[in-house]
PDB file of all heavy atoms in Angstrom:
ATOM      1  N   TYR A   1     112.878 -75.208  58.306  1.00  0.00           N
ATOM      2  CA  TYR A   1     112.709 -74.621  56.978  1.00  0.00           C
ATOM      3  C   TYR A   1     113.711 -75.247  56.008  1.00  0.00           C
ATOM      4  O   TYR A   1     114.828 -75.610  56.400  1.00  0.00           O
ATOM      5  CB  TYR A   1     112.928 -73.113  57.017  1.00  0.00           C
ATOM      6  CG  TYR A   1     111.890 -72.344  57.798  1.00  0.00           C
ATOM      7  CD1 TYR A   1     112.004 -72.193  59.178  1.00  0.00           C
ATOM      8  CD2 TYR A   1     110.799 -71.769  57.163  1.00  0.00           C
ATOM      9  CE1 TYR A   1     111.059 -71.475  59.902  1.00  0.00           C
ATOM     10  CE2 TYR A   1     109.847 -71.051  57.880  1.00  0.00           C
ATOM     11  CZ  TYR A   1     109.988 -70.908  59.244  1.00  0.00           C
ATOM     12  OH  TYR A   1     109.040 -70.200  59.959  1.00  0.00           O
ATOM     13  N   GLY A   2     113.333 -75.328  54.736  1.00  0.00           N
ATOM     14  CA  GLY A   2     114.230 -75.902  53.734  1.00  0.00           C
ATOM     15  C   GLY A   2     114.647 -77.305  54.147  1.00  0.00           C
ATOM     16  O   GLY A   2     113.839 -78.107  54.631  1.00  0.00           O
ATOM     17  N   ASN A   3     115.942 -77.590  53.979  1.00  0.00           N
ATOM     18  CA  ASN A   3     116.480 -78.891  54.374  1.00  0.00           C
ATOM     19  C   ASN A   3     117.186 -78.850  55.726  1.00  0.00           C
ATOM     20  O   ASN A   3     117.875 -79.801  56.092  1.00  0.00           O
ATOM     21  CB  ASN A   3     117.466 -79.395  53.302  1.00  0.00           C
ATOM     22  CG  ASN A   3     116.777 -79.708  51.998  1.00  0.00           C
ATOM     23  OD1 ASN A   3     115.647 -80.181  51.984  1.00  0.00           O
ATOM     24  ND2 ASN A   3     117.451 -79.446  50.886  1.00  0.00           N
ATOM     25  N   THR A   4     117.037 -77.740  56.446  1.00  0.00           N
ATOM     26  CA  THR A   4     117.685 -77.638  57.754  1.00  0.00           C
ATOM     27  C   THR A   4     117.003 -78.563  58.763  1.00  0.00           C
ATOM     28  O   THR A   4     115.782 -78.688  58.774  1.00  0.00           O
ATOM     29  CB  THR A   4     117.655 -76.185  58.253  1.00  0.00           C
ATOM     30  OG1 THR A   4     118.421 -75.376  57.353  1.00  0.00           O
ATOM     31  CG2 THR A   4     118.246 -76.062  59.647  1.00  0.00           C
ATOM     32  N   THR A   5     117.808 -79.181  59.597  1.00  0.00           N
ATOM     33  CA  THR A   5     117.298 -80.104  60.611  1.00  0.00           C
ATOM     34  C   THR A   5     116.241 -79.416  61.477  1.00  0.00           C
ATOM     35  O   THR A   5     116.512 -78.357  62.056  1.00  0.00           O
ATOM     36  CB  THR A   5     118.446 -80.598  61.508  1.00  0.00           C
ATOM     37  OG1 THR A   5     119.468 -81.175  60.682  1.00  0.00           O
ATOM     38  CG2 THR A   5     117.946 -81.641  62.497  1.00  0.00           C
ATOM     39  N   PRO A   6     115.048 -79.990  61.583  1.00  0.00           N
ATOM     40  CA  PRO A   6     114.001 -79.346  62.389  1.00  0.00           C
ATOM     41  C   PRO A   6     114.154 -79.629  63.876  1.00  0.00           C
ATOM     42  O   PRO A   6     114.826 -80.571  64.288  1.00  0.00           O
ATOM     43  CB  PRO A   6     112.720 -79.989  61.850  1.00  0.00           C
ATOM     44  CG  PRO A   6     113.153 -81.363  61.419  1.00  0.00           C
ATOM     45  CD  PRO A   6     114.557 -81.200  60.886  1.00  0.00           C
ATOM     46  N   PHE A   7     113.507 -78.796  64.683  1.00  0.00           N
ATOM     47  CA  PHE A   7     113.391 -79.043  66.107  1.00  0.00           C
ATOM     48  C   PHE A   7     112.220 -79.996  66.364  1.00  0.00           C
ATOM     49  O   PHE A   7     111.336 -80.165  65.519  1.00  0.00           O
ATOM     50  CB  PHE A   7     113.092 -77.741  66.865  1.00  0.00           C
ATOM     51  CG  PHE A   7     114.227 -76.760  66.906  1.00  0.00           C
ATOM     52  CD1 PHE A   7     114.069 -75.476  66.401  1.00  0.00           C
ATOM     53  CD2 PHE A   7     115.442 -77.097  67.485  1.00  0.00           C
ATOM     54  CE1 PHE A   7     115.096 -74.545  66.462  1.00  0.00           C
ATOM     55  CE2 PHE A   7     116.480 -76.183  67.552  1.00  0.00           C
ATOM     56  CZ  PHE A   7     116.300 -74.908  67.035  1.00  0.00           C
ATOM     57  N   ALA A   8     112.189 -80.553  67.570  1.00  0.00           N
ATOM     58  CA  ALA A   8     110.940 -81.140  68.042  1.00  0.00           C
ATOM     59  C   ALA A   8     109.921 -80.004  68.115  1.00  0.00           C
ATOM     60  O   ALA A   8     110.283 -78.858  68.397  1.00  0.00           O
ATOM     61  CB  ALA A   8     111.148 -81.765  69.421  1.00  0.00           C
ATOM     62  N   PRO A   9     108.639 -80.272  67.837  1.00  0.00           N
ATOM     63  CA  PRO A   9     107.643 -79.191  67.718  1.00  0.00           C
ATOM     64  C   PRO A   9     107.664 -78.172  68.849  1.00  0.00           C
ATOM     65  O   PRO A   9     107.614 -76.964  68.593  1.00  0.00           O
ATOM     66  CB  PRO A   9     106.316 -79.952  67.664  1.00  0.00           C
ATOM     67  CG  PRO A   9     106.667 -81.249  67.016  1.00  0.00           C
ATOM     68  CD  PRO A   9     108.039 -81.597  67.532  1.00  0.00           C
ATOM     69  N   ALA A  10     107.773 -78.613  70.085  1.00  0.00           N
ATOM     70  CA  ALA A  10     107.715 -77.677  71.213  1.00  0.00           C
ATOM     71  C   ALA A  10     108.985 -76.864  71.363  1.00  0.00           C
ATOM     72  O   ALA A  10     108.995 -75.851  72.077  1.00  0.00           O
ATOM     73  CB  ALA A  10     107.448 -78.448  72.511  1.00  0.00           C
ATOM     74  N   ASP A  11     110.064 -77.266  70.694  1.00  0.00           N
ATOM     75  CA  ASP A  11     111.356 -76.581  70.849  1.00  0.00           C
ATOM     76  C   ASP A  11     111.591 -75.484  69.822  1.00  0.00           C
ATOM     77  O   ASP A  11     112.645 -74.839  69.831  1.00  0.00           O
ATOM     78  CB  ASP A  11     112.496 -77.600  70.754  1.00  0.00           C
ATOM     79  CG  ASP A  11     112.579 -78.503  71.973  1.00  0.00           C
ATOM     80  OD1 ASP A  11     112.035 -78.112  73.019  1.00  0.00           O
ATOM     81  OD2 ASP A  11     113.180 -79.586  71.877  1.00  0.00           O
ATOM     82  N   ALA A  12     110.638 -75.266  68.937  1.00  0.00           N
ATOM     83  CA  ALA A  12     110.822 -74.267  67.872  1.00  0.00           C
ATOM     84  C   ALA A  12     110.583 -72.861  68.423  1.00  0.00           C
ATOM     85  O   ALA A  12     109.652 -72.158  68.034  1.00  0.00           O
ATOM     86  CB  ALA A  12     109.891 -74.562  66.708  1.00  0.00           C
ATOM     87  N   THR A  13     111.455 -72.447  69.343  1.00  0.00           N
ATOM     88  CA  THR A  13     111.333 -71.147  69.996  1.00  0.00           C
ATOM     89  C   THR A  13     112.467 -70.234  69.566  1.00  0.00           C
ATOM     90  O   THR A  13     113.449 -70.671  68.955  1.00  0.00           O
ATOM     91  CB  THR A  13     111.375 -71.308  71.522  1.00  0.00           C
ATOM     92  OG1 THR A  13     112.659 -71.841  71.892  1.00  0.00           O
ATOM     93  CG2 THR A  13     110.275 -72.244  72.005  1.00  0.00           C
ATOM     94  N   ILE A  14     112.353 -68.965  69.916  1.00  0.00           N
ATOM     95  CA  ILE A  14     113.408 -68.000  69.617  1.00  0.00           C
ATOM     96  C   ILE A  14     114.698 -68.387  70.317  1.00  0.00           C
ATOM     97  O   ILE A  14     115.777 -68.375  69.719  1.00  0.00           O
ATOM     98  CB  ILE A  14     112.949 -66.591  70.032  1.00  0.00           C
ATOM     99  CG1 ILE A  14     111.778 -66.142  69.149  1.00  0.00           C
ATOM    100  CG2 ILE A  14     114.099 -65.586  69.948  1.00  0.00           C
ATOM    101  CD1 ILE A  14     111.030 -64.952  69.684  1.00  0.00           C
ATOM    102  N   ALA A  15     114.618 -68.761  71.586  1.00  0.00           N
ATOM    103  CA  ALA A  15     115.809 -69.109  72.356  1.00  0.00           C
ATOM    104  C   ALA A  15     116.506 -70.332  71.789  1.00  0.00           C
ATOM    105  O   ALA A  15     117.740 -70.366  71.673  1.00  0.00           O
ATOM    106  CB  ALA A  15     115.430 -69.344  73.819  1.00  0.00           C
ATOM    107  N   LYS A  16     115.735 -71.356  71.407  1.00  0.00           N
ATOM    108  CA  LYS A  16     116.335 -72.571  70.850  1.00  0.00           C
ATOM    109  C   LYS A  16     116.965 -72.295  69.488  1.00  0.00           C
ATOM    110  O   LYS A  16     118.024 -72.831  69.152  1.00  0.00           O
ATOM    111  CB  LYS A  16     115.279 -73.670  70.735  1.00  0.00           C
ATOM    112  CG  LYS A  16     114.887 -74.311  72.062  1.00  0.00           C
ATOM    113  CD  LYS A  16     116.012 -75.199  72.590  1.00  0.00           C
ATOM    114  CE  LYS A  16     115.571 -75.976  73.820  1.00  0.00           C
ATOM    115  NZ  LYS A  16     116.660 -76.843  74.347  1.00  0.00           N
ATOM    116  N   ASN A  17     116.313 -71.457  68.673  1.00  0.00           N
ATOM    117  CA  ASN A  17     116.894 -71.053  67.395  1.00  0.00           C
ATOM    118  C   ASN A  17     118.225 -70.360  67.613  1.00  0.00           C
ATOM    119  O   ASN A  17     119.207 -70.642  66.920  1.00  0.00           O
ATOM    120  CB  ASN A  17     115.935 -70.126  66.650  1.00  0.00           C
ATOM    121  CG  ASN A  17     115.017 -70.828  65.686  1.00  0.00           C
ATOM    122  OD1 ASN A  17     115.340 -71.006  64.511  1.00  0.00           O
ATOM    123  ND2 ASN A  17     113.861 -71.245  66.185  1.00  0.00           N
ATOM    124  N   ALA A  18     118.270 -69.446  68.571  1.00  0.00           N
ATOM    125  CA  ALA A  18     119.508 -68.697  68.826  1.00  0.00           C
ATOM    126  C   ALA A  18     120.624 -69.625  69.272  1.00  0.00           C
ATOM    127  O   ALA A  18     121.767 -69.505  68.810  1.00  0.00           O
ATOM    128  CB  ALA A  18     119.253 -67.623  69.885  1.00  0.00           C
ATOM    129  N   GLU A  19     120.317 -70.557  70.151  1.00  0.00           N
ATOM    130  CA  GLU A  19     121.331 -71.498  70.634  1.00  0.00           C
ATOM    131  C   GLU A  19     121.870 -72.357  69.501  1.00  0.00           C
ATOM    132  O   GLU A  19     123.084 -72.515  69.336  1.00  0.00           O
ATOM    133  CB  GLU A  19     120.713 -72.385  71.720  1.00  0.00           C
ATOM    134  CG  GLU A  19     121.657 -73.437  72.270  1.00  0.00           C
ATOM    135  CD  GLU A  19     120.990 -74.332  73.295  1.00  0.00           C
ATOM    136  OE1 GLU A  19     119.813 -74.089  73.652  1.00  0.00           O
ATOM    137  OE2 GLU A  19     121.636 -75.301  73.743  1.00  0.00           O
ATOM    138  N   CYS A  20     120.954 -72.908  68.703  1.00  0.00           N
ATOM    139  CA  CYS A  20     121.350 -73.775  67.598  1.00  0.00           C
ATOM    140  C   CYS A  20     122.152 -73.020  66.543  1.00  0.00           C
ATOM    141  O   CYS A  20     123.201 -73.482  66.080  1.00  0.00           O
ATOM    142  CB  CYS A  20     120.101 -74.390  66.983  1.00  0.00           C
ATOM    143  SG  CYS A  20     120.383 -75.386  65.504  1.00  0.00           S
ATOM    144  N   LEU A  21     121.688 -71.832  66.160  1.00  0.00           N
ATOM    145  CA  LEU A  21     122.349 -71.079  65.092  1.00  0.00           C
ATOM    146  C   LEU A  21     123.659 -70.460  65.563  1.00  0.00           C
ATOM    147  O   LEU A  21     124.584 -70.289  64.758  1.00  0.00           O
ATOM    148  CB  LEU A  21     121.409 -70.008  64.551  1.00  0.00           C
ATOM    149  CG  LEU A  21     120.168 -70.547  63.834  1.00  0.00           C
ATOM    150  CD1 LEU A  21     119.286 -69.411  63.348  1.00  0.00           C
ATOM    151  CD2 LEU A  21     120.550 -71.467  62.680  1.00  0.00           C
ATOM    152  N   ASP A  22     123.780 -70.146  66.825  1.00  0.00           N
ATOM    153  CA  ASP A  22     125.058 -69.682  67.371  1.00  0.00           C
ATOM    154  C   ASP A  22     126.137 -70.726  67.075  1.00  0.00           C
ATOM    155  O   ASP A  22     127.215 -70.403  66.548  1.00  0.00           O
ATOM    156  CB  ASP A  22     124.909 -69.453  68.867  1.00  0.00           C
ATOM    157  CG  ASP A  22     126.167 -68.896  69.533  1.00  0.00           C
ATOM    158  OD1 ASP A  22     127.208 -68.735  68.857  1.00  0.00           O
ATOM    159  OD2 ASP A  22     126.117 -68.627  70.743  1.00  0.00           O
ATOM    160  N   ASP A  23     125.856 -71.972  67.387  1.00  0.00           N
ATOM    161  CA  ASP A  23     126.831 -73.043  67.144  1.00  0.00           C
ATOM    162  C   ASP A  23     127.097 -73.222  65.654  1.00  0.00           C
ATOM    163  O   ASP A  23     128.248 -73.350  65.226  1.00  0.00           O
ATOM    164  CB  ASP A  23     126.323 -74.358  67.740  1.00  0.00           C
ATOM    165  CG  ASP A  23     126.291 -74.341  69.261  1.00  0.00           C
ATOM    166  OD1 ASP A  23     126.997 -73.506  69.865  1.00  0.00           O
ATOM    167  OD2 ASP A  23     125.557 -75.160  69.844  1.00  0.00           O
ATOM    168  N   ALA A  24     126.026 -73.234  64.850  1.00  0.00           N
ATOM    169  CA  ALA A  24     126.175 -73.465  63.412  1.00  0.00           C
ATOM    170  C   ALA A  24     126.949 -72.329  62.747  1.00  0.00           C
ATOM    171  O   ALA A  24     127.787 -72.566  61.865  1.00  0.00           O
ATOM    172  CB  ALA A  24     124.798 -73.620  62.762  1.00  0.00           C
ATOM    173  N   ILE A  25     126.693 -71.082  63.154  1.00  0.00           N
ATOM    174  CA  ILE A  25     127.382 -69.938  62.549  1.00  0.00           C
ATOM    175  C   ILE A  25     128.865 -69.970  62.907  1.00  0.00           C
ATOM    176  O   ILE A  25     129.719 -69.580  62.108  1.00  0.00           O
ATOM    177  CB  ILE A  25     126.719 -68.617  62.983  1.00  0.00           C
ATOM    178  CG1 ILE A  25     125.325 -68.517  62.349  1.00  0.00           C
ATOM    179  CG2 ILE A  25     127.565 -67.410  62.564  1.00  0.00           C
ATOM    180  CD1 ILE A  25     124.469 -67.391  62.887  1.00  0.00           C
ATOM    181  N   GLY A  26     129.180 -70.452  64.096  1.00  0.00           N
ATOM    182  CA  GLY A  26     130.587 -70.640  64.435  1.00  0.00           C
ATOM    183  C   GLY A  26     131.267 -71.591  63.466  1.00  0.00           C
ATOM    184  O   GLY A  26     132.410 -71.366  63.039  1.00  0.00           O
ATOM    185  N   GLU A  27     130.563 -72.659  63.097  1.00  0.00           N
ATOM    186  CA  GLU A  27     131.093 -73.610  62.108  1.00  0.00           C
ATOM    187  C   GLU A  27     131.212 -72.952  60.739  1.00  0.00           C
ATOM    188  O   GLU A  27     132.188 -73.158  60.010  1.00  0.00           O
ATOM    189  CB  GLU A  27     130.178 -74.829  62.025  1.00  0.00           C
ATOM    190  CG  GLU A  27     130.118 -75.670  63.287  1.00  0.00           C
ATOM    191  CD  GLU A  27     131.282 -76.639  63.379  1.00  0.00           C
ATOM    192  OE1 GLU A  27     131.953 -76.882  62.365  1.00  0.00           O
ATOM    193  OE2 GLU A  27     131.518 -77.148  64.494  1.00  0.00           O
ATOM    194  N   ILE A  28     130.210 -72.151  60.369  1.00  0.00           N
ATOM    195  CA  ILE A  28     130.251 -71.446  59.077  1.00  0.00           C
ATOM    196  C   ILE A  28     131.453 -70.512  59.028  1.00  0.00           C
ATOM    197  O   ILE A  28     132.174 -70.448  58.014  1.00  0.00           O
ATOM    198  CB  ILE A  28     128.946 -70.647  58.865  1.00  0.00           C
ATOM    199  CG1 ILE A  28     127.769 -71.597  58.627  1.00  0.00           C
ATOM    200  CG2 ILE A  28     129.092 -69.682  57.680  1.00  0.00           C
ATOM    201  CD1 ILE A  28     126.421 -70.893  58.585  1.00  0.00           C
ATOM    202  N   TRP A  29     131.683 -69.776  60.107  1.00  0.00           N
ATOM    203  CA  TRP A  29     132.820 -68.854  60.143  1.00  0.00           C
ATOM    204  C   TRP A  29     134.133 -69.603  59.958  1.00  0.00           C
ATOM    205  O   TRP A  29     135.000 -69.171  59.192  1.00  0.00           O
ATOM    206  CB  TRP A  29     132.824 -68.069  61.443  1.00  0.00           C
ATOM    207  CG  TRP A  29     134.062 -67.228  61.612  1.00  0.00           C
ATOM    208  CD1 TRP A  29     135.092 -67.427  62.470  1.00  0.00           C
ATOM    209  CD2 TRP A  29     134.407 -66.067  60.844  1.00  0.00           C
ATOM    210  NE1 TRP A  29     136.054 -66.461  62.313  1.00  0.00           N
ATOM    211  CE2 TRP A  29     135.659 -65.610  61.316  1.00  0.00           C
ATOM    212  CE3 TRP A  29     133.772 -65.360  59.825  1.00  0.00           C
ATOM    213  CZ2 TRP A  29     136.290 -64.491  60.796  1.00  0.00           C
ATOM    214  CZ3 TRP A  29     134.404 -64.234  59.306  1.00  0.00           C
ATOM    215  CH2 TRP A  29     135.638 -63.811  59.784  1.00  0.00           C
ATOM    216  N   GLY A  30     134.299 -70.716  60.638  1.00  0.00           N
ATOM    217  CA  GLY A  30     135.532 -71.479  60.509  1.00  0.00           C
ATOM    218  C   GLY A  30     135.740 -72.022  59.109  1.00  0.00           C
ATOM    219  O   GLY A  30     136.873 -72.150  58.642  1.00  0.00           O
ATOM    220  N   ARG A  31     134.651 -72.304  58.419  1.00  0.00           N
ATOM    221  CA  ARG A  31     134.734 -72.911  57.092  1.00  0.00           C
ATOM    222  C   ARG A  31     134.814 -71.865  55.983  1.00  0.00           C
ATOM    223  O   ARG A  31     135.492 -72.070  54.970  1.00  0.00           O
ATOM    224  CB  ARG A  31     133.520 -73.813  56.873  1.00  0.00           C
ATOM    225  CG  ARG A  31     133.660 -74.840  55.779  1.00  0.00           C
ATOM    226  CD  ARG A  31     132.460 -75.772  55.753  1.00  0.00           C
ATOM    227  NE  ARG A  31     132.270 -76.475  57.033  1.00  0.00           N
ATOM    228  CZ  ARG A  31     131.282 -77.341  57.262  1.00  0.00           C
ATOM    229  NH1 ARG A  31     130.396 -77.599  56.313  1.00  0.00           N
ATOM    230  NH2 ARG A  31     131.184 -77.923  58.446  1.00  0.00           N
ATOM    231  N   TYR A  32     134.100 -70.746  56.136  1.00  0.00           N
ATOM    232  CA  TYR A  32     133.935 -69.799  55.033  1.00  0.00           C
ATOM    233  C   TYR A  32     134.289 -68.351  55.376  1.00  0.00           C
ATOM    234  O   TYR A  32     134.049 -67.447  54.591  1.00  0.00           O
ATOM    235  CB  TYR A  32     132.498 -69.840  54.512  1.00  0.00           C
ATOM    236  CG  TYR A  32     132.111 -71.168  53.936  1.00  0.00           C
ATOM    237  CD1 TYR A  32     131.065 -71.908  54.484  1.00  0.00           C
ATOM    238  CD2 TYR A  32     132.800 -71.705  52.848  1.00  0.00           C
ATOM    239  CE1 TYR A  32     130.710 -73.137  53.962  1.00  0.00           C
ATOM    240  CE2 TYR A  32     132.450 -72.926  52.322  1.00  0.00           C
ATOM    241  CZ  TYR A  32     131.410 -73.646  52.882  1.00  0.00           C
ATOM    242  OH  TYR A  32     131.065 -74.869  52.365  1.00  0.00           O
ATOM    243  N   GLY A  33     134.848 -68.123  56.547  1.00  0.00           N
ATOM    244  CA  GLY A  33     135.150 -66.745  56.936  1.00  0.00           C
ATOM    245  C   GLY A  33     136.192 -66.082  56.081  1.00  0.00           C
ATOM    246  O   GLY A  33     136.139 -64.871  55.847  1.00  0.00           O
ATOM    247  N   GLY A  34     137.156 -66.852  55.588  1.00  0.00           N
ATOM    248  CA  GLY A  34     138.179 -66.290  54.725  1.00  0.00           C
ATOM    249  C   GLY A  34     138.890 -65.119  55.371  1.00  0.00           C
ATOM    250  O   GLY A  34     139.277 -65.172  56.533  1.00  0.00           O
ATOM    251  N   LYS A  35     139.027 -64.017  54.639  1.00  0.00           N
ATOM    252  CA  LYS A  35     139.713 -62.822  55.142  1.00  0.00           C
ATOM    253  C   LYS A  35     138.755 -61.750  55.647  1.00  0.00           C
ATOM    254  O   LYS A  35     139.170 -60.616  55.902  1.00  0.00           O
ATOM    255  CB  LYS A  35     140.613 -62.243  54.044  1.00  0.00           C
ATOM    256  CG  LYS A  35     141.756 -63.176  53.631  1.00  0.00           C
ATOM    257  CD  LYS A  35     142.624 -62.535  52.561  1.00  0.00           C
ATOM    258  CE  LYS A  35     143.783 -63.462  52.168  1.00  0.00           C
ATOM    259  NZ  LYS A  35     144.642 -62.856  51.124  1.00  0.00           N
ATOM    260  N   ALA A  36     137.484 -62.107  55.775  1.00  0.00           N
ATOM    261  CA  ALA A  36     136.499 -61.141  56.277  1.00  0.00           C
ATOM    262  C   ALA A  36     136.866 -60.680  57.680  1.00  0.00           C
ATOM    263  O   ALA A  36     137.475 -61.419  58.462  1.00  0.00           O
ATOM    264  CB  ALA A  36     135.111 -61.768  56.281  1.00  0.00           C
ATOM    265  N   ARG A  37     136.505 -59.447  58.025  1.00  0.00           N
ATOM    266  CA  ARG A  37     136.768 -58.917  59.367  1.00  0.00           C
ATOM    267  C   ARG A  37     135.966 -59.677  60.424  1.00  0.00           C
ATOM    268  O   ARG A  37     136.361 -59.766  61.588  1.00  0.00           O
ATOM    269  CB  ARG A  37     136.393 -57.445  59.433  1.00  0.00           C
ATOM    270  CG  ARG A  37     137.239 -56.531  58.569  1.00  0.00           C
ATOM    271  CD  ARG A  37     138.645 -56.393  59.125  1.00  0.00           C
ATOM    272  NE  ARG A  37     139.402 -55.426  58.354  1.00  0.00           N
ATOM    273  CZ  ARG A  37     140.724 -55.319  58.400  1.00  0.00           C
ATOM    274  NH1 ARG A  37     141.430 -56.139  59.184  1.00  0.00           N
ATOM    275  NH2 ARG A  37     141.343 -54.414  57.679  1.00  0.00           N
ATOM    276  N   GLY A  38     134.818 -60.162  60.035  1.00  0.00           N
ATOM    277  CA  GLY A  38     133.933 -60.857  60.958  1.00  0.00           C
ATOM    278  C   GLY A  38     132.573 -61.003  60.313  1.00  0.00           C
ATOM    279  O   GLY A  38     132.425 -60.861  59.095  1.00  0.00           O
ATOM    280  N   ILE A  39     131.572 -61.260  61.108  1.00  0.00           N
ATOM    281  CA  ILE A  39     130.217 -61.522  60.626  1.00  0.00           C
ATOM    282  C   ILE A  39     129.283 -60.372  61.013  1.00  0.00           C
ATOM    283  O   ILE A  39     129.341 -59.858  62.127  1.00  0.00           O
ATOM    284  CB  ILE A  39     129.683 -62.840  61.218  1.00  0.00           C
ATOM    285  CG1 ILE A  39     130.412 -64.036  60.574  1.00  0.00           C
ATOM    286  CG2 ILE A  39     128.182 -62.976  61.038  1.00  0.00           C
ATOM    287  CD1 ILE A  39     130.088 -65.371  61.217  1.00  0.00           C
ATOM    288  N   VAL A  40     128.429 -59.991  60.082  1.00  0.00           N
ATOM    289  CA  VAL A  40     127.304 -59.109  60.367  1.00  0.00           C
ATOM    290  C   VAL A  40     126.040 -59.912  60.120  1.00  0.00           C
ATOM    291  O   VAL A  40     125.864 -60.493  59.043  1.00  0.00           O
ATOM    292  CB  VAL A  40     127.316 -57.843  59.492  1.00  0.00           C
ATOM    293  CG1 VAL A  40     126.011 -57.062  59.658  1.00  0.00           C
ATOM    294  CG2 VAL A  40     128.500 -56.953  59.851  1.00  0.00           C
ATOM    295  N   LEU A  41     125.167 -59.970  61.111  1.00  0.00           N
ATOM    296  CA  LEU A  41     123.895 -60.666  60.988  1.00  0.00           C
ATOM    297  C   LEU A  41     122.821 -59.694  60.531  1.00  0.00           C
ATOM    298  O   LEU A  41     122.722 -58.573  61.050  1.00  0.00           O
ATOM    299  CB  LEU A  41     123.477 -61.280  62.323  1.00  0.00           C
ATOM    300  CG  LEU A  41     124.393 -62.334  62.950  1.00  0.00           C
ATOM    301  CD1 LEU A  41     123.811 -62.799  64.281  1.00  0.00           C
ATOM    302  CD2 LEU A  41     124.586 -63.518  62.015  1.00  0.00           C
ATOM    303  N   ILE A  42     122.017 -60.121  59.567  1.00  0.00           N
ATOM    304  CA  ILE A  42     120.845 -59.370  59.142  1.00  0.00           C
ATOM    305  C   ILE A  42     119.633 -60.252  59.415  1.00  0.00           C
ATOM    306  O   ILE A  42     119.532 -61.362  58.893  1.00  0.00           O
ATOM    307  CB  ILE A  42     120.911 -58.989  57.655  1.00  0.00           C
ATOM    308  CG1 ILE A  42     122.039 -57.974  57.423  1.00  0.00           C
ATOM    309  CG2 ILE A  42     119.577 -58.434  57.175  1.00  0.00           C
ATOM    310  CD1 ILE A  42     122.196 -57.535  55.979  1.00  0.00           C
TER     311      ILE A  42
END
């Protein structure tokens, strides 16, 4: 979606999304977490 790097067609699963976004959100937290207590996912 958008400009986010796509998966190979067969890999666009819930499990693969979770694995990929787990890593990316860790990077987001390190870059933009600031003084927040932590992350809430919606």
